[in-house]
Amino acid sequence: MYIENWESFYQQAVALYKAAPLKTRFVTKYRHCDGKLVLKVTDDVTCLQYKTDQQSDLRKMEKLNLQMLALMATGEAPAEDVEMLPAEQQQQQQQQQQQQQQQQRQKKTRKGRNGCRAFAAAVLTHTQVEHAL
């Protein structure tokens, strides 16, 4: 059956998955000829469907997708409400993560260089001691 209200579909879909996680399937289908996106959640007994042709509903579908993936992967909903970030904020977060990774790599190489220097100093002092004898 097609559900017209998004909030109702969202709540029923999550509840259906939580009731029978091993039997529930979540399917998305886009019909280009009609320009419609169809979402279907079923456990072979109950079938919930939502149909839209509005581009603004893509955000809602993405939110449901993230919720369902979190439930399927961990068995529980995300700790905080899932909100999609604008593309600029996502890029900033990615850049920050890359900078942090680069800093960590630099710290590791510094430690490695210091270890090599200490080893070289120990070898030099050992050879100096041998020559002194």
C-alpha atoms as a PDB file:
ATOM      1  CA  MET A   1       0.000   0.000   0.000  1.00  0.00           C
ATOM      2  CA  TYR A   2       1.220   3.508  -0.781  1.00  0.00           C
ATOM      3  CA  ILE A   3       1.538   5.863   2.150  1.00  0.00           C
ATOM      4  CA  GLU A   4       1.009   9.522   1.270  1.00  0.00           C
ATOM      5  CA  ASN A   5       2.476  11.127   4.413  1.00  0.00           C
ATOM      6  CA  TRP A   6       6.289  11.003   4.649  1.00  0.00           C
ATOM      7  CA  GLU A   7       6.473  11.072   8.459  1.00  0.00           C
ATOM      8  CA  SER A   8       4.038   8.190   8.709  1.00  0.00           C
ATOM      9  CA  PHE A   9       6.011   6.176   6.144  1.00  0.00           C
ATOM     10  CA  TYR A  10       9.299   6.929   7.900  1.00  0.00           C
ATOM     11  CA  GLN A  11       8.056   5.845  11.330  1.00  0.00           C
ATOM     12  CA  GLN A  12       6.313   2.724  10.031  1.00  0.00           C
ATOM     13  CA  ALA A  13       9.350   1.699   7.958  1.00  0.00           C
ATOM     14  CA  VAL A  14      11.722   1.967  10.926  1.00  0.00           C
ATOM     15  CA  ALA A  15       9.248   0.137  13.183  1.00  0.00           C
ATOM     16  CA  LEU A  16       8.820  -2.631  10.598  1.00  0.00           C
ATOM     17  CA  TYR A  17      12.577  -3.111  10.361  1.00  0.00           C
ATOM     18  CA  LYS A  18      13.001  -3.159  14.140  1.00  0.00           C
ATOM     19  CA  ALA A  19      10.232  -5.773  14.450  1.00  0.00           C
ATOM     20  CA  ALA A  20      11.835  -8.231  12.007  1.00  0.00           C
ATOM     21  CA  PRO A  21      15.360  -7.168  10.992  1.00  0.00           C
ATOM     22  CA  LEU A  22      16.296 -10.481   9.356  1.00  0.00           C
ATOM     23  CA  LYS A  23      13.238 -10.566   7.112  1.00  0.00           C
ATOM     24  CA  THR A  24      12.852  -6.897   6.203  1.00  0.00           C
ATOM     25  CA  ARG A  25      14.058  -5.493   2.883  1.00  0.00           C
ATOM     26  CA  PHE A  26      14.448  -1.849   1.901  1.00  0.00           C
ATOM     27  CA  VAL A  27      14.264  -1.123  -1.833  1.00  0.00           C
ATOM     28  CA  THR A  28      14.567   2.120  -3.767  1.00  0.00           C
ATOM     29  CA  LYS A  29      13.564   2.323  -7.400  1.00  0.00           C
ATOM     30  CA  TYR A  30      13.680   5.264  -9.774  1.00  0.00           C
ATOM     31  CA  ARG A  31      11.500   5.197 -12.879  1.00  0.00           C
ATOM     32  CA  HIS A  32      13.085   7.625 -15.311  1.00  0.00           C
ATOM     33  CA  CYS A  33      10.193   7.471 -17.786  1.00  0.00           C
ATOM     34  CA  ASP A  34       7.762   8.611 -15.049  1.00  0.00           C
ATOM     35  CA  GLY A  35      10.271  10.717 -13.117  1.00  0.00           C
ATOM     36  CA  LYS A  36       9.200   9.001  -9.891  1.00  0.00           C
ATOM     37  CA  LEU A  37      11.120   7.583  -6.988  1.00  0.00           C
ATOM     38  CA  VAL A  38       9.526   4.650  -5.174  1.00  0.00           C
ATOM     39  CA  LEU A  39      10.659   3.489  -1.730  1.00  0.00           C
ATOM     40  CA  LYS A  40       9.521   0.106  -0.496  1.00  0.00           C
ATOM     41  CA  VAL A  41      10.013  -1.573   2.873  1.00  0.00           C
ATOM     42  CA  THR A  42       8.660  -5.093   3.221  1.00  0.00           C
ATOM     43  CA  ASP A  43       8.925  -8.185   5.395  1.00  0.00           C
ATOM     44  CA  ASP A  44       6.828 -10.307   2.970  1.00  0.00           C
ATOM     45  CA  VAL A  45       3.780  -9.871   5.213  1.00  0.00           C
ATOM     46  CA  THR A  46       3.550  -6.085   5.300  1.00  0.00           C
ATOM     47  CA  CYS A  47       4.545  -3.916   2.348  1.00  0.00           C
ATOM     48  CA  LEU A  48       4.990  -0.162   2.836  1.00  0.00           C
ATOM     49  CA  GLN A  49       5.540   2.046  -0.208  1.00  0.00           C
ATOM     50  CA  TYR A  50       6.105   5.741  -0.734  1.00  0.00           C
ATOM     51  CA  LYS A  51       6.100   7.383  -4.157  1.00  0.00           C
ATOM     52  CA  THR A  52       7.339  10.866  -4.982  1.00  0.00           C
ATOM     53  CA  ASP A  53       8.259  12.998  -7.949  1.00  0.00           C
ATOM     54  CA  GLN A  54       9.537  15.925  -5.873  1.00  0.00           C
ATOM     55  CA  GLN A  55      13.256  16.631  -5.746  1.00  0.00           C
ATOM     56  CA  SER A  56      12.874  18.074  -2.252  1.00  0.00           C
ATOM     57  CA  ASP A  57      11.963  14.589  -0.987  1.00  0.00           C
ATOM     58  CA  LEU A  58      15.458  13.327  -1.827  1.00  0.00           C
ATOM     59  CA  ARG A  59      16.789  14.756   1.460  1.00  0.00           C
ATOM     60  CA  LYS A  60      14.118  12.864   3.359  1.00  0.00           C
ATOM     61  CA  MET A  61      14.950   9.677   1.476  1.00  0.00           C
ATOM     62  CA  GLU A  62      18.632  10.163   2.268  1.00  0.00           C
ATOM     63  CA  LYS A  63      17.815  10.553   5.963  1.00  0.00           C
ATOM     64  CA  LEU A  64      15.797   7.309   5.920  1.00  0.00           C
ATOM     65  CA  ASN A  65      18.602   5.595   4.032  1.00  0.00           C
ATOM     66  CA  LEU A  66      21.158   6.599   6.681  1.00  0.00           C
ATOM     67  CA  GLN A  67      18.803   5.508   9.465  1.00  0.00           C
ATOM     68  CA  MET A  68      18.215   2.098   7.864  1.00  0.00           C
ATOM     69  CA  LEU A  69      21.926   1.589   7.169  1.00  0.00           C
ATOM     70  CA  ALA A  70      22.763   2.395  10.776  1.00  0.00           C
ATOM     71  CA  LEU A  71      20.120  -0.052  11.987  1.00  0.00           C
ATOM     72  CA  MET A  72      21.357  -2.758   9.621  1.00  0.00           C
ATOM     73  CA  ALA A  73      25.021  -2.243  10.467  1.00  0.00           C
ATOM     74  CA  THR A  74      24.901  -1.797  14.244  1.00  0.00           C
ATOM     75  CA  GLY A  75      21.418  -2.888  15.249  1.00  0.00           C
ATOM     76  CA  GLU A  76      20.617   0.464  16.815  1.00  0.00           C
ATOM     77  CA  ALA A  77      19.726   3.933  15.627  1.00  0.00           C
ATOM     78  CA  PRO A  78      22.398   6.640  15.487  1.00  0.00           C
ATOM     79  CA  ALA A  79      22.984   8.378  18.811  1.00  0.00           C
ATOM     80  CA  GLU A  80      22.001  11.756  17.425  1.00  0.00           C
ATOM     81  CA  ASP A  81      19.386  12.761  14.920  1.00  0.00           C
ATOM     82  CA  VAL A  82      20.733  12.229  11.428  1.00  0.00           C
ATOM     83  CA  GLU A  83      21.004  15.531   9.622  1.00  0.00           C
ATOM     84  CA  MET A  84      22.493  16.003   6.202  1.00  0.00           C
ATOM     85  CA  LEU A  85      25.187  18.661   6.029  1.00  0.00           C
ATOM     86  CA  PRO A  86      25.515  21.101   3.161  1.00  0.00           C
ATOM     87  CA  ALA A  87      28.245  20.250   0.667  1.00  0.00           C
ATOM     88  CA  GLU A  88      30.489  23.076   1.926  1.00  0.00           C
ATOM     89  CA  GLN A  89      30.447  21.750   5.497  1.00  0.00           C
ATOM     90  CA  GLN A  90      31.166  18.226   4.272  1.00  0.00           C
ATOM     91  CA  GLN A  91      34.171  19.515   2.326  1.00  0.00           C
ATOM     92  CA  GLN A  92      35.440  21.419   5.360  1.00  0.00           C
ATOM     93  CA  GLN A  93      35.142  18.311   7.530  1.00  0.00           C
ATOM     94  CA  GLN A  94      36.999  16.235   4.943  1.00  0.00           C
ATOM     95  CA  GLN A  95      39.767  18.836   4.761  1.00  0.00           C
ATOM     96  CA  GLN A  96      40.068  18.883   8.559  1.00  0.00           C
ATOM     97  CA  GLN A  97      40.293  15.088   8.650  1.00  0.00           C
ATOM     98  CA  GLN A  98      42.980  15.124   5.960  1.00  0.00           C
ATOM     99  CA  GLN A  99      44.967  17.740   7.876  1.00  0.00           C
ATOM    100  CA  GLN A 100      44.739  15.683  11.067  1.00  0.00           C
ATOM    101  CA  GLN A 101      45.928  12.583   9.208  1.00  0.00           C
ATOM    102  CA  GLN A 102      48.872  14.507   7.753  1.00  0.00           C
ATOM    103  CA  GLN A 103      49.818  15.805  11.208  1.00  0.00           C
ATOM    104  CA  GLN A 104      49.700  12.279  12.622  1.00  0.00           C
ATOM    105  CA  ARG A 105      51.911  11.005   9.796  1.00  0.00           C
ATOM    106  CA  GLN A 106      54.398  13.809  10.421  1.00  0.00           C
ATOM    107  CA  LYS A 107      54.526  12.950  14.135  1.00  0.00           C
ATOM    108  CA  LYS A 108      55.211   9.309  13.300  1.00  0.00           C
ATOM    109  CA  THR A 109      58.022  10.190  10.904  1.00  0.00           C
ATOM    110  CA  ARG A 110      59.557  12.557  13.471  1.00  0.00           C
ATOM    111  CA  LYS A 111      59.537   9.782  16.055  1.00  0.00           C
ATOM    112  CA  GLY A 112      61.109   7.434  13.541  1.00  0.00           C
ATOM    113  CA  ARG A 113      63.846   9.935  12.690  1.00  0.00           C
ATOM    114  CA  ASN A 114      64.607  10.549  16.355  1.00  0.00           C
ATOM    115  CA  GLY A 115      64.892   6.811  16.888  1.00  0.00           C
ATOM    116  CA  CYS A 116      67.335   6.543  13.975  1.00  0.00           C
ATOM    117  CA  ARG A 117      69.386   9.430  15.332  1.00  0.00           C
ATOM    118  CA  ALA A 118      69.559   7.821  18.762  1.00  0.00           C
ATOM    119  CA  PHE A 119      70.644   4.528  17.199  1.00  0.00           C
ATOM    120  CA  ALA A 120      73.280   6.285  15.082  1.00  0.00           C
ATOM    121  CA  ALA A 121      74.573   8.140  18.154  1.00  0.00           C
ATOM    122  CA  ALA A 122      74.800   4.873  20.088  1.00  0.00           C
ATOM    123  CA  VAL A 123      76.724   3.223  17.247  1.00  0.00           C
ATOM    124  CA  LEU A 124      79.088   6.185  17.025  1.00  0.00           C
ATOM    125  CA  THR A 125      79.811   6.171  20.746  1.00  0.00           C
ATOM    126  CA  HIS A 126      80.380   2.409  20.637  1.00  0.00           C
ATOM    127  CA  THR A 127      82.876   2.724  17.769  1.00  0.00           C
ATOM    128  CA  GLN A 128      84.566   5.678  19.471  1.00  0.00           C
ATOM    129  CA  VAL A 129      84.989   3.566  22.601  1.00  0.00           C
ATOM    130  CA  GLU A 130      86.503   0.707  20.578  1.00  0.00           C
ATOM    131  CA  HIS A 131      88.973   3.039  18.882  1.00  0.00           C
ATOM    132  CA  ALA A 132      89.953   4.555  22.205  1.00  0.00           C
ATOM    133  CA  LEU A 133      90.895   1.139  23.545  1.00  0.00           C
END
